[in-house]
PDB file of N, CA and C in Angstrom:
ATOM      1  N   MET A   1      -6.016 -87.802-117.067  1.00  0.00           N
ATOM      2  CA  MET A   1      -7.291 -87.233-117.457  1.00  0.00           C
ATOM      3  C   MET A   1      -7.120 -85.723-117.665  1.00  0.00           C
ATOM      4  N   ALA A   2      -7.744 -85.193-118.688  1.00  0.00           N
ATOM      5  CA  ALA A   2      -7.633 -83.769-119.019  1.00  0.00           C
ATOM      6  C   ALA A   2      -8.367 -82.904-117.995  1.00  0.00           C
ATOM      7  N   ASP A   3      -7.779 -81.745-117.741  1.00  0.00           N
ATOM      8  CA  ASP A   3      -8.425 -80.782-116.851  1.00  0.00           C
ATOM      9  C   ASP A   3      -9.686 -80.225-117.500  1.00  0.00           C
ATOM     10  N   ILE A   4     -10.590 -79.777-116.665  1.00  0.00           N
ATOM     11  CA  ILE A   4     -11.802 -79.105-117.122  1.00  0.00           C
ATOM     12  C   ILE A   4     -11.734 -77.667-116.625  1.00  0.00           C
ATOM     13  N   LYS A   5     -11.866 -76.715-117.551  1.00  0.00           N
ATOM     14  CA  LYS A   5     -11.850 -75.299-117.193  1.00  0.00           C
ATOM     15  C   LYS A   5     -13.198 -74.698-117.556  1.00  0.00           C
ATOM     16  N   ARG A   6     -13.829 -74.065-116.588  1.00  0.00           N
ATOM     17  CA  ARG A   6     -15.135 -73.436-116.793  1.00  0.00           C
ATOM     18  C   ARG A   6     -14.956 -71.922-116.743  1.00  0.00           C
ATOM     19  N   SER A   7     -15.579 -71.211-117.682  1.00  0.00           N
ATOM     20  CA  SER A   7     -15.441 -69.759-117.756  1.00  0.00           C
ATOM     21  C   SER A   7     -16.802 -69.085-117.840  1.00  0.00           C
ATOM     22  N   HIS A   8     -16.843 -67.865-117.321  1.00  0.00           N
ATOM     23  CA  HIS A   8     -18.064 -67.054-117.375  1.00  0.00           C
ATOM     24  C   HIS A   8     -19.233 -67.797-116.725  1.00  0.00           C
ATOM     25  N   SER A   9     -18.972 -68.282-115.501  1.00  0.00           N
ATOM     26  CA  SER A   9     -19.973 -69.042-114.747  1.00  0.00           C
ATOM     27  C   SER A   9     -20.809 -68.096-113.891  1.00  0.00           C
ATOM     28  N   ASN A  10     -22.053 -68.486-113.641  1.00  0.00           N
ATOM     29  CA  ASN A  10     -22.938 -67.625-112.858  1.00  0.00           C
ATOM     30  C   ASN A  10     -23.675 -68.356-111.738  1.00  0.00           C
ATOM     31  N   GLY A  11     -23.215 -69.522-111.360  1.00  0.00           N
ATOM     32  CA  GLY A  11     -23.910 -70.279-110.329  1.00  0.00           C
ATOM     33  C   GLY A  11     -24.897 -71.286-110.882  1.00  0.00           C
ATOM     34  N   ARG A  12     -25.329 -71.091-112.106  1.00  0.00           N
ATOM     35  CA  ARG A  12     -26.248 -72.017-112.764  1.00  0.00           C
ATOM     36  C   ARG A  12     -25.561 -72.729-113.925  1.00  0.00           C
ATOM     37  N   MET A  13     -24.728 -71.974-114.632  1.00  0.00           N
ATOM     38  CA  MET A  13     -24.115 -72.525-115.844  1.00  0.00           C
ATOM     39  C   MET A  13     -22.840 -71.772-116.174  1.00  0.00           C
ATOM     40  N   SER A  14     -22.065 -72.341-117.077  1.00  0.00           N
ATOM     41  CA  SER A  14     -20.863 -71.702-117.604  1.00  0.00           C
ATOM     42  C   SER A  14     -21.081 -71.429-119.075  1.00  0.00           C
ATOM     43  N   GLN A  15     -20.673 -70.266-119.535  1.00  0.00           N
ATOM     44  CA  GLN A  15     -20.793 -69.943-120.952  1.00  0.00           C
ATOM     45  C   GLN A  15     -19.823 -70.761-121.798  1.00  0.00           C
ATOM     46  N   MET A  16     -18.692 -71.195-121.161  1.00  0.00           N
ATOM     47  CA  MET A  16     -17.704 -71.975-121.900  1.00  0.00           C
ATOM     48  C   MET A  16     -17.075 -72.994-120.968  1.00  0.00           C
ATOM     49  N   VAL A  17     -16.942 -74.222-121.465  1.00  0.00           N
ATOM     50  CA  VAL A  17     -16.249 -75.286-120.749  1.00  0.00           C
ATOM     51  C   VAL A  17     -15.221 -75.859-121.719  1.00  0.00           C
ATOM     52  N   VAL A  18     -13.972 -75.941-121.252  1.00  0.00           N
ATOM     53  CA  VAL A  18     -12.904 -76.515-122.073  1.00  0.00           C
ATOM     54  C   VAL A  18     -12.436 -77.787-121.390  1.00  0.00           C
ATOM     55  N   HIS A  19     -12.447 -78.874-122.138  1.00  0.00           N
ATOM     56  CA  HIS A  19     -11.978 -80.173-121.657  1.00  0.00           C
ATOM     57  C   HIS A  19     -10.951 -80.682-122.651  1.00  0.00           C
ATOM     58  N   GLY A  20      -9.705 -80.717-122.245  1.00  0.00           N
ATOM     59  CA  GLY A  20      -8.648 -81.126-123.177  1.00  0.00           C
ATOM     60  C   GLY A  20      -8.588 -80.151-124.333  1.00  0.00           C
ATOM     61  N   GLU A  21      -8.777 -80.650-125.512  1.00  0.00           N
ATOM     62  CA  GLU A  21      -8.710 -79.828-126.728  1.00  0.00           C
ATOM     63  C   GLU A  21     -10.096 -79.533-127.304  1.00  0.00           C
ATOM     64  N   THR A  22     -11.137 -79.760-126.502  1.00  0.00           N
ATOM     65  CA  THR A  22     -12.509 -79.525-126.966  1.00  0.00           C
ATOM     66  C   THR A  22     -13.138 -78.387-126.179  1.00  0.00           C
ATOM     67  N   ILE A  23     -13.820 -77.501-126.900  1.00  0.00           N
ATOM     68  CA  ILE A  23     -14.475 -76.330-126.325  1.00  0.00           C
ATOM     69  C   ILE A  23     -15.981 -76.500-126.498  1.00  0.00           C
ATOM     70  N   TYR A  24     -16.704 -76.320-125.411  1.00  0.00           N
ATOM     71  CA  TYR A  24     -18.162 -76.399-125.427  1.00  0.00           C
ATOM     72  C   TYR A  24     -18.706 -75.030-125.046  1.00  0.00           C
ATOM     73  N   LEU A  25     -19.494 -74.429-125.909  1.00  0.00           N
ATOM     74  CA  LEU A  25     -20.139 -73.162-125.592  1.00  0.00           C
ATOM     75  C   LEU A  25     -21.594 -73.421-125.258  1.00  0.00           C
ATOM     76  N   ALA A  26     -22.069 -72.762-124.210  1.00  0.00           N
ATOM     77  CA  ALA A  26     -23.490 -72.817-123.870  1.00  0.00           C
ATOM     78  C   ALA A  26     -24.276 -72.169-124.994  1.00  0.00           C
ATOM     79  N   GLY A  27     -25.570 -72.363-124.992  1.00  0.00           N
ATOM     80  CA  GLY A  27     -26.414 -71.695-125.975  1.00  0.00           C
ATOM     81  C   GLY A  27     -26.239 -70.191-125.865  1.00  0.00           C
ATOM     82  N   GLN A  28     -25.844 -69.557-126.948  1.00  0.00           N
ATOM     83  CA  GLN A  28     -25.605 -68.121-126.977  1.00  0.00           C
ATOM     84  C   GLN A  28     -26.837 -67.417-127.531  1.00  0.00           C
ATOM     85  N   VAL A  29     -27.214 -66.334-126.870  1.00  0.00           N
ATOM     86  CA  VAL A  29     -28.324 -65.506-127.313  1.00  0.00           C
ATOM     87  C   VAL A  29     -27.845 -64.060-127.359  1.00  0.00           C
ATOM     88  N   ALA A  30     -28.593 -63.217-128.046  1.00  0.00           N
ATOM     89  CA  ALA A  30     -28.255 -61.795-128.143  1.00  0.00           C
ATOM     90  C   ALA A  30     -29.399 -60.981-127.544  1.00  0.00           C
ATOM     91  N   ALA A  31     -29.293 -59.678-127.617  1.00  0.00           N
ATOM     92  CA  ALA A  31     -30.288 -58.786-127.012  1.00  0.00           C
ATOM     93  C   ALA A  31     -31.689 -59.142-127.498  1.00  0.00           C
ATOM     94  N   GLU A  32     -32.571 -59.364-126.547  1.00  0.00           N
ATOM     95  CA  GLU A  32     -33.937 -59.747-126.906  1.00  0.00           C
ATOM     96  C   GLU A  32     -34.657 -58.594-127.598  1.00  0.00           C
ATOM     97  N   GLY A  33     -35.570 -58.968-128.466  1.00  0.00           N
ATOM     98  CA  GLY A  33     -36.379 -57.978-129.155  1.00  0.00           C
ATOM     99  C   GLY A  33     -35.788 -57.480-130.462  1.00  0.00           C
ATOM    100  N   GLN A  34     -34.517 -57.777-130.724  1.00  0.00           N
ATOM    101  CA  GLN A  34     -33.914 -57.370-131.993  1.00  0.00           C
ATOM    102  C   GLN A  34     -34.380 -58.298-133.108  1.00  0.00           C
ATOM    103  N   SER A  35     -34.076 -57.914-134.341  1.00  0.00           N
ATOM    104  CA  SER A  35     -34.412 -58.753-135.497  1.00  0.00           C
ATOM    105  C   SER A  35     -33.612 -60.046-135.463  1.00  0.00           C
ATOM    106  N   VAL A  36     -34.031 -61.015-136.242  1.00  0.00           N
ATOM    107  CA  VAL A  36     -33.294 -62.272-136.368  1.00  0.00           C
ATOM    108  C   VAL A  36     -31.889 -61.991-136.883  1.00  0.00           C
ATOM    109  N   THR A  37     -31.765 -61.091-137.855  1.00  0.00           N
ATOM    110  CA  THR A  37     -30.446 -60.740-138.385  1.00  0.00           C
ATOM    111  C   THR A  37     -29.557 -60.166-137.292  1.00  0.00           C
ATOM    112  N   ALA A  38     -30.048 -59.191-136.547  1.00  0.00           N
ATOM    113  CA  ALA A  38     -29.250 -58.555-135.491  1.00  0.00           C
ATOM    114  C   ALA A  38     -28.900 -59.552-134.394  1.00  0.00           C
ATOM    115  N   GLN A  39     -29.852 -60.398-133.994  1.00  0.00           N
ATOM    116  CA  GLN A  39     -29.558 -61.394-132.964  1.00  0.00           C
ATOM    117  C   GLN A  39     -28.513 -62.390-133.448  1.00  0.00           C
ATOM    118  N   THR A  40     -28.634 -62.859-134.687  1.00  0.00           N
ATOM    119  CA  THR A  40     -27.659 -63.815-135.216  1.00  0.00           C
ATOM    120  C   THR A  40     -26.284 -63.178-135.285  1.00  0.00           C
ATOM    121  N   GLU A  41     -26.194 -61.946-135.755  1.00  0.00           N
ATOM    122  CA  GLU A  41     -24.897 -61.252-135.803  1.00  0.00           C
ATOM    123  C   GLU A  41     -24.296 -61.118-134.402  1.00  0.00           C
ATOM    124  N   GLY A  42     -25.116 -60.750-133.436  1.00  0.00           N
ATOM    125  CA  GLY A  42     -24.633 -60.612-132.063  1.00  0.00           C
ATOM    126  C   GLY A  42     -24.134 -61.928-131.492  1.00  0.00           C
ATOM    127  N   ILE A  43     -24.873 -62.984-131.743  1.00  0.00           N
ATOM    128  CA  ILE A  43     -24.490 -64.313-131.266  1.00  0.00           C
ATOM    129  C   ILE A  43     -23.168 -64.742-131.893  1.00  0.00           C
ATOM    130  N   LEU A  44     -23.032 -64.569-133.194  1.00  0.00           N
ATOM    131  CA  LEU A  44     -21.803 -64.997-133.867  1.00  0.00           C
ATOM    132  C   LEU A  44     -20.605 -64.179-133.390  1.00  0.00           C
ATOM    133  N   ASN A  45     -20.799 -62.915-133.073  1.00  0.00           N
ATOM    134  CA  ASN A  45     -19.717 -62.108-132.484  1.00  0.00           C
ATOM    135  C   ASN A  45     -19.319 -62.659-131.120  1.00  0.00           C
ATOM    136  N   GLN A  46     -20.308 -63.043-130.304  1.00  0.00           N
ATOM    137  CA  GLN A  46     -20.024 -63.640-128.999  1.00  0.00           C
ATOM    138  C   GLN A  46     -19.258 -64.948-129.160  1.00  0.00           C
ATOM    139  N   ILE A  47     -19.650 -65.749-130.134  1.00  0.00           N
ATOM    140  CA  ILE A  47     -18.959 -67.017-130.384  1.00  0.00           C
ATOM    141  C   ILE A  47     -17.513 -66.744-130.774  1.00  0.00           C
ATOM    142  N   ASP A  48     -17.281 -65.781-131.665  1.00  0.00           N
ATOM    143  CA  ASP A  48     -15.912 -65.423-132.045  1.00  0.00           C
ATOM    144  C   ASP A  48     -15.086 -65.044-130.819  1.00  0.00           C
ATOM    145  N   THR A  49     -15.661 -64.239-129.937  1.00  0.00           N
ATOM    146  CA  THR A  49     -14.956 -63.771-128.741  1.00  0.00           C
ATOM    147  C   THR A  49     -14.625 -64.927-127.800  1.00  0.00           C
ATOM    148  N   LEU A  50     -15.593 -65.791-127.530  1.00  0.00           N
ATOM    149  CA  LEU A  50     -15.362 -66.920-126.631  1.00  0.00           C
ATOM    150  C   LEU A  50     -14.340 -67.894-127.210  1.00  0.00           C
ATOM    151  N   LEU A  51     -14.445 -68.186-128.496  1.00  0.00           N
ATOM    152  CA  LEU A  51     -13.476 -69.103-129.103  1.00  0.00           C
ATOM    153  C   LEU A  51     -12.072 -68.524-129.056  1.00  0.00           C
ATOM    154  N   ALA A  52     -11.926 -67.235-129.317  1.00  0.00           N
ATOM    155  CA  ALA A  52     -10.603 -66.595-129.251  1.00  0.00           C
ATOM    156  C   ALA A  52     -10.047 -66.689-127.826  1.00  0.00           C
ATOM    157  N   GLU A  53     -10.894 -66.482-126.843  1.00  0.00           N
ATOM    158  CA  GLU A  53     -10.464 -66.583-125.451  1.00  0.00           C
ATOM    159  C   GLU A  53      -9.918 -67.973-125.137  1.00  0.00           C
ATOM    160  N   ALA A  54     -10.480 -68.991-125.770  1.00  0.00           N
ATOM    161  CA  ALA A  54     -10.057 -70.372-125.542  1.00  0.00           C
ATOM    162  C   ALA A  54      -8.905 -70.789-126.459  1.00  0.00           C
ATOM    163  N   GLY A  55      -8.440 -69.885-127.312  1.00  0.00           N
ATOM    164  CA  GLY A  55      -7.344 -70.216-128.220  1.00  0.00           C
ATOM    165  C   GLY A  55      -7.800 -70.914-129.485  1.00  0.00           C
ATOM    166  N   SER A  56      -8.997 -70.605-129.946  1.00  0.00           N
ATOM    167  CA  SER A  56      -9.550 -71.238-131.138  1.00  0.00           C
ATOM    168  C   SER A  56     -10.210 -70.174-132.011  1.00  0.00           C
ATOM    169  N   ASP A  57     -10.887 -70.616-133.056  1.00  0.00           N
ATOM    170  CA  ASP A  57     -11.632 -69.706-133.927  1.00  0.00           C
ATOM    171  C   ASP A  57     -12.683 -70.505-134.696  1.00  0.00           C
ATOM    172  N   LYS A  58     -13.471 -69.792-135.476  1.00  0.00           N
ATOM    173  CA  LYS A  58     -14.610 -70.424-136.158  1.00  0.00           C
ATOM    174  C   LYS A  58     -14.219 -71.478-137.189  1.00  0.00           C
ATOM    175  N   THR A  59     -12.960 -71.512-137.631  1.00  0.00           N
ATOM    176  CA  THR A  59     -12.531 -72.557-138.567  1.00  0.00           C
ATOM    177  C   THR A  59     -12.431 -73.911-137.884  1.00  0.00           C
ATOM    178  N   LYS A  60     -12.487 -73.916-136.548  1.00  0.00           N
ATOM    179  CA  LYS A  60     -12.331 -75.155-135.791  1.00  0.00           C
ATOM    180  C   LYS A  60     -13.631 -75.617-135.143  1.00  0.00           C
ATOM    181  N   ILE A  61     -14.751 -75.034-135.570  1.00  0.00           N
ATOM    182  CA  ILE A  61     -16.041 -75.475-135.038  1.00  0.00           C
ATOM    183  C   ILE A  61     -16.349 -76.862-135.584  1.00  0.00           C
ATOM    184  N   LEU A  62     -16.690 -77.762-134.684  1.00  0.00           N
ATOM    185  CA  LEU A  62     -17.021 -79.136-135.053  1.00  0.00           C
ATOM    186  C   LEU A  62     -18.517 -79.308-135.289  1.00  0.00           C
ATOM    187  N   MET A  63     -19.328 -78.679-134.412  1.00  0.00           N
ATOM    188  CA  MET A  63     -20.769 -78.874-134.471  1.00  0.00           C
ATOM    189  C   MET A  63     -21.476 -77.622-133.977  1.00  0.00           C
ATOM    190  N   ALA A  64     -22.550 -77.279-134.641  1.00  0.00           N
ATOM    191  CA  ALA A  64     -23.408 -76.172-134.222  1.00  0.00           C
ATOM    192  C   ALA A  64     -24.833 -76.683-134.092  1.00  0.00           C
ATOM    193  N   GLN A  65     -25.486 -76.269-133.023  1.00  0.00           N
ATOM    194  CA  GLN A  65     -26.907 -76.563-132.829  1.00  0.00           C
ATOM    195  C   GLN A  65     -27.605 -75.215-132.762  1.00  0.00           C
ATOM    196  N   ILE A  66     -28.582 -75.034-133.629  1.00  0.00           N
ATOM    197  CA  ILE A  66     -29.266 -73.744-133.745  1.00  0.00           C
ATOM    198  C   ILE A  66     -30.753 -73.939-133.474  1.00  0.00           C
ATOM    199  N   TRP A  67     -31.261 -73.078-132.589  1.00  0.00           N
ATOM    200  CA  TRP A  67     -32.691 -73.086-132.316  1.00  0.00           C
ATOM    201  C   TRP A  67     -33.265 -71.742-132.729  1.00  0.00           C
ATOM    202  N   LEU A  68     -34.397 -71.806-133.386  1.00  0.00           N
ATOM    203  CA  LEU A  68     -35.132 -70.606-133.802  1.00  0.00           C
ATOM    204  C   LEU A  68     -36.496 -70.626-133.140  1.00  0.00           C
ATOM    205  N   ASP A  69     -37.015 -69.458-132.814  1.00  0.00           N
ATOM    206  CA  ASP A  69     -38.348 -69.410-132.225  1.00  0.00           C
ATOM    207  C   ASP A  69     -39.411 -69.768-133.260  1.00  0.00           C
ATOM    208  N   ASP A  70     -39.061 -69.630-134.532  1.00  0.00           N
ATOM    209  CA  ASP A  70     -40.009 -69.884-135.616  1.00  0.00           C
ATOM    210  C   ASP A  70     -39.209 -70.253-136.868  1.00  0.00           C
ATOM    211  N   MET A  71     -39.496 -71.384-137.465  1.00  0.00           N
ATOM    212  CA  MET A  71     -38.752 -71.816-138.659  1.00  0.00           C
ATOM    213  C   MET A  71     -38.973 -70.870-139.840  1.00  0.00           C
ATOM    214  N   ALA A  72     -39.946 -69.986-139.748  1.00  0.00           N
ATOM    215  CA  ALA A  72     -40.120 -68.964-140.787  1.00  0.00           C
ATOM    216  C   ALA A  72     -38.910 -68.030-140.830  1.00  0.00           C
ATOM    217  N   ASN A  73     -38.100 -68.021-139.761  1.00  0.00           N
ATOM    218  CA  ASN A  73     -36.900 -67.178-139.691  1.00  0.00           C
ATOM    219  C   ASN A  73     -35.632 -67.887-140.175  1.00  0.00           C
ATOM    220  N   PHE A  74     -35.778 -69.097-140.662  1.00  0.00           N
ATOM    221  CA  PHE A  74     -34.633 -69.920-141.059  1.00  0.00           C
ATOM    222  C   PHE A  74     -33.783 -69.244-142.138  1.00  0.00           C
ATOM    223  N   ALA A  75     -34.394 -68.743-143.186  1.00  0.00           N
ATOM    224  CA  ALA A  75     -33.633 -68.120-144.280  1.00  0.00           C
ATOM    225  C   ALA A  75     -32.911 -66.859-143.812  1.00  0.00           C
ATOM    226  N   GLU A  76     -33.554 -66.058-142.961  1.00  0.00           N
ATOM    227  CA  GLU A  76     -32.919 -64.833-142.462  1.00  0.00           C
ATOM    228  C   GLU A  76     -31.691 -65.162-141.610  1.00  0.00           C
ATOM    229  N   MET A  77     -31.810 -66.164-140.731  1.00  0.00           N
ATOM    230  CA  MET A  77     -30.671 -66.589-139.920  1.00  0.00           C
ATOM    231  C   MET A  77     -29.571 -67.149-140.814  1.00  0.00           C
ATOM    232  N   ASN A  78     -29.946 -67.981-141.788  1.00  0.00           N
ATOM    233  CA  ASN A  78     -28.954 -68.589-142.680  1.00  0.00           C
ATOM    234  C   ASN A  78     -28.181 -67.558-143.491  1.00  0.00           C
ATOM    235  N   ALA A  79     -28.800 -66.455-143.870  1.00  0.00           N
ATOM    236  CA  ALA A  79     -28.093 -65.416-144.630  1.00  0.00           C
ATOM    237  C   ALA A  79     -26.911 -64.882-143.825  1.00  0.00           C
ATOM    238  N   VAL A  80     -27.110 -64.700-142.520  1.00  0.00           N
ATOM    239  CA  VAL A  80     -26.022 -64.218-141.660  1.00  0.00           C
ATOM    240  C   VAL A  80     -25.010 -65.335-141.430  1.00  0.00           C
ATOM    241  N   TRP A  81     -25.497 -66.521-141.121  1.00  0.00           N
ATOM    242  CA  TRP A  81     -24.624 -67.677-140.876  1.00  0.00           C
ATOM    243  C   TRP A  81     -23.725 -67.951-142.077  1.00  0.00           C
ATOM    244  N   ASP A  82     -24.322 -67.989-143.273  1.00  0.00           N
ATOM    245  CA  ASP A  82     -23.559 -68.328-144.480  1.00  0.00           C
ATOM    246  C   ASP A  82     -22.455 -67.320-144.766  1.00  0.00           C
ATOM    247  N   ALA A  83     -22.679 -66.050-144.444  1.00  0.00           N
ATOM    248  CA  ALA A  83     -21.653 -65.026-144.646  1.00  0.00           C
ATOM    249  C   ALA A  83     -20.540 -65.140-143.598  1.00  0.00           C
ATOM    250  N   TRP A  84     -20.825 -65.745-142.464  1.00  0.00           N
ATOM    251  CA  TRP A  84     -19.870 -65.844-141.349  1.00  0.00           C
ATOM    252  C   TRP A  84     -19.013 -67.103-141.408  1.00  0.00           C
ATOM    253  N   VAL A  85     -19.570 -68.226-141.819  1.00  0.00           N
ATOM    254  CA  VAL A  85     -18.845 -69.501-141.806  1.00  0.00           C
ATOM    255  C   VAL A  85     -17.799 -69.512-142.922  1.00  0.00           C
ATOM    256  N   PRO A  86     -16.537 -69.816-142.578  1.00  0.00           N
ATOM    257  CA  PRO A  86     -15.494 -69.840-143.600  1.00  0.00           C
ATOM    258  C   PRO A  86     -15.678 -71.017-144.569  1.00  0.00           C
ATOM    259  N   GLN A  87     -15.645 -70.720-145.850  1.00  0.00           N
ATOM    260  CA  GLN A  87     -15.754 -71.778-146.859  1.00  0.00           C
ATOM    261  C   GLN A  87     -14.661 -72.816-146.633  1.00  0.00           C
ATOM    262  N   GLY A  88     -15.054 -74.081-146.721  1.00  0.00           N
ATOM    263  CA  GLY A  88     -14.120 -75.173-146.511  1.00  0.00           C
ATOM    264  C   GLY A  88     -14.015 -75.590-145.051  1.00  0.00           C
ATOM    265  N   ASN A  89     -14.630 -74.839-144.149  1.00  0.00           N
ATOM    266  CA  ASN A  89     -14.603 -75.147-142.718  1.00  0.00           C
ATOM    267  C   ASN A  89     -16.011 -75.205-142.133  1.00  0.00           C
ATOM    268  N   GLU A  90     -16.978 -75.581-142.940  1.00  0.00           N
ATOM    269  CA  GLU A  90     -18.354 -75.660-142.477  1.00  0.00           C
ATOM    270  C   GLU A  90     -18.478 -76.794-141.453  1.00  0.00           C
ATOM    271  N   PRO A  91     -19.056 -76.507-140.278  1.00  0.00           N
ATOM    272  CA  PRO A  91     -19.194 -77.550-139.259  1.00  0.00           C
ATOM    273  C   PRO A  91     -20.410 -78.426-139.515  1.00  0.00           C
ATOM    274  N   GLY A  92     -20.485 -79.523-138.777  1.00  0.00           N
ATOM    275  CA  GLY A  92     -21.741 -80.250-138.709  1.00  0.00           C
ATOM    276  C   GLY A  92     -22.757 -79.302-138.084  1.00  0.00           C
ATOM    277  N   ARG A  93     -24.022 -79.444-138.427  1.00  0.00           N
ATOM    278  CA  ARG A  93     -24.991 -78.478-137.925  1.00  0.00           C
ATOM    279  C   ARG A  93     -26.382 -79.087-137.890  1.00  0.00           C
ATOM    280  N   ALA A  94     -27.151 -78.684-136.892  1.00  0.00           N
ATOM    281  CA  ALA A  94     -28.566 -79.020-136.815  1.00  0.00           C
ATOM    282  C   ALA A  94     -29.311 -77.737-136.493  1.00  0.00           C
ATOM    283  N   ALA A  95     -30.510 -77.597-137.020  1.00  0.00           N
ATOM    284  CA  ALA A  95     -31.336 -76.424-136.730  1.00  0.00           C
ATOM    285  C   ALA A  95     -32.779 -76.872-136.586  1.00  0.00           C
ATOM    286  N   GLY A  96     -33.461 -76.241-135.655  1.00  0.00           N
ATOM    287  CA  GLY A  96     -34.868 -76.561-135.441  1.00  0.00           C
ATOM    288  C   GLY A  96     -35.544 -75.434-134.691  1.00  0.00           C
ATOM    289  N   SER A  97     -36.815 -75.603-134.467  1.00  0.00           N
ATOM    290  CA  SER A  97     -37.546 -74.573-133.726  1.00  0.00           C
ATOM    291  C   SER A  97     -37.797 -75.057-132.303  1.00  0.00           C
ATOM    292  N   ALA A  98     -37.876 -74.085-131.390  1.00  0.00           N
ATOM    293  CA  ALA A  98     -38.106 -74.398-129.983  1.00  0.00           C
ATOM    294  C   ALA A  98     -38.683 -73.173-129.295  1.00  0.00           C
ATOM    295  N   HIS A  99     -39.348 -73.393-128.189  1.00  0.00           N
ATOM    296  CA  HIS A  99     -39.762 -72.285-127.339  1.00  0.00           C
ATOM    297  C   HIS A  99     -38.519 -71.882-126.554  1.00  0.00           C
ATOM    298  N   LEU A 100     -37.946 -70.719-126.854  1.00  0.00           N
ATOM    299  CA  LEU A 100     -36.726 -70.280-126.199  1.00  0.00           C
ATOM    300  C   LEU A 100     -37.056 -69.720-124.820  1.00  0.00           C
ATOM    301  N   ALA A 101     -36.043 -69.619-123.960  1.00  0.00           N
ATOM    302  CA  ALA A 101     -36.237 -69.277-122.551  1.00  0.00           C
ATOM    303  C   ALA A 101     -36.913 -67.931-122.330  1.00  0.00           C
ATOM    304  N   THR A 102     -36.664 -66.991-123.205  1.00  0.00           N
ATOM    305  CA  THR A 102     -37.256 -65.658-123.093  1.00  0.00           C
ATOM    306  C   THR A 102     -37.974 -65.352-124.399  1.00  0.00           C
ATOM    307  N   PRO A 103     -39.211 -64.880-124.340  1.00  0.00           N
ATOM    308  CA  PRO A 103     -39.974 -64.646-125.573  1.00  0.00           C
ATOM    309  C   PRO A 103     -39.296 -63.719-126.585  1.00  0.00           C
ATOM    310  N   GLY A 104     -38.442 -62.787-126.150  1.00  0.00           N
ATOM    311  CA  GLY A 104     -37.770 -61.881-127.074  1.00  0.00           C
ATOM    312  C   GLY A 104     -36.584 -62.482-127.792  1.00  0.00           C
ATOM    313  N   PHE A 105     -36.162 -63.697-127.396  1.00  0.00           N
ATOM    314  CA  PHE A 105     -35.073 -64.380-128.099  1.00  0.00           C
ATOM    315  C   PHE A 105     -35.642 -65.076-129.323  1.00  0.00           C
ATOM    316  N   LYS A 106     -35.012 -64.855-130.459  1.00  0.00           N
ATOM    317  CA  LYS A 106     -35.450 -65.481-131.709  1.00  0.00           C
ATOM    318  C   LYS A 106     -34.488 -66.557-132.195  1.00  0.00           C
ATOM    319  N   VAL A 107     -33.232 -66.478-131.710  1.00  0.00           N
ATOM    320  CA  VAL A 107     -32.169 -67.394-132.144  1.00  0.00           C
ATOM    321  C   VAL A 107     -31.329 -67.768-130.933  1.00  0.00           C
ATOM    322  N   GLU A 108     -30.920 -69.022-130.859  1.00  0.00           N
ATOM    323  CA  GLU A 108     -29.950 -69.486-129.865  1.00  0.00           C
ATOM    324  C   GLU A 108     -29.020 -70.469-130.570  1.00  0.00           C
ATOM    325  N   ILE A 109     -27.714 -70.316-130.342  1.00  0.00           N
ATOM    326  CA  ILE A 109     -26.742 -71.174-131.016  1.00  0.00           C
ATOM    327  C   ILE A 109     -25.777 -71.761-129.977  1.00  0.00           C
ATOM    328  N   MET A 110     -25.589 -73.069-130.028  1.00  0.00           N
ATOM    329  CA  MET A 110     -24.663 -73.780-129.166  1.00  0.00           C
ATOM    330  C   MET A 110     -23.560 -74.370-130.040  1.00  0.00           C
ATOM    331  N   ILE A 111     -22.317 -74.279-129.584  1.00  0.00           N
ATOM    332  CA  ILE A 111     -21.155 -74.657-130.390  1.00  0.00           C
ATOM    333  C   ILE A 111     -20.264 -75.643-129.649  1.00  0.00           C
ATOM    334  N   THR A 112     -19.712 -76.604-130.379  1.00  0.00           N
ATOM    335  CA  THR A 112     -18.623 -77.448-129.921  1.00  0.00           C
ATOM    336  C   THR A 112     -17.486 -77.233-130.920  1.00  0.00           C
ATOM    337  N   ALA A 113     -16.279 -76.963-130.389  1.00  0.00           N
ATOM    338  CA  ALA A 113     -15.154 -76.663-131.274  1.00  0.00           C
ATOM    339  C   ALA A 113     -13.877 -77.316-130.739  1.00  0.00           C
ATOM    340  N   ALA A 114     -12.893 -77.425-131.605  1.00  0.00           N
ATOM    341  CA  ALA A 114     -11.562 -77.891-131.227  1.00  0.00           C
ATOM    342  C   ALA A 114     -10.656 -76.684-130.995  1.00  0.00           C
ATOM    343  N   ARG A 115      -9.597 -76.894-130.262  1.00  0.00           N
ATOM    344  CA  ARG A 115      -8.620 -75.803-130.084  1.00  0.00           C
ATOM    345  C   ARG A 115      -7.653 -75.787-131.220  1.00  0.00           C
TER     346      ARG A 115
END
């Protein structure tokens, strides 16, 4: 059975869990109160950093789950996402709206990737 490695844990959750060759990132958020563009950019930078730490990168993302506080922000988030995702390596993806944990969060992204 493959080992499970948990990173950036705080007693409630881990920001990253690696099981075998699969990487699971917790829902990533950026500084509250910023624009959707700034939050999405911050989140994608965090994802890049965590994936690199695990020995992977955005070309190996298998699935992304994206939550927005308001679907009216969908196009603004997508403009940043589309510029970040490497052509030919687009992951499976779902996006929807939800009441996020903190009112100042506008975007949250959860990732599953391969190493």
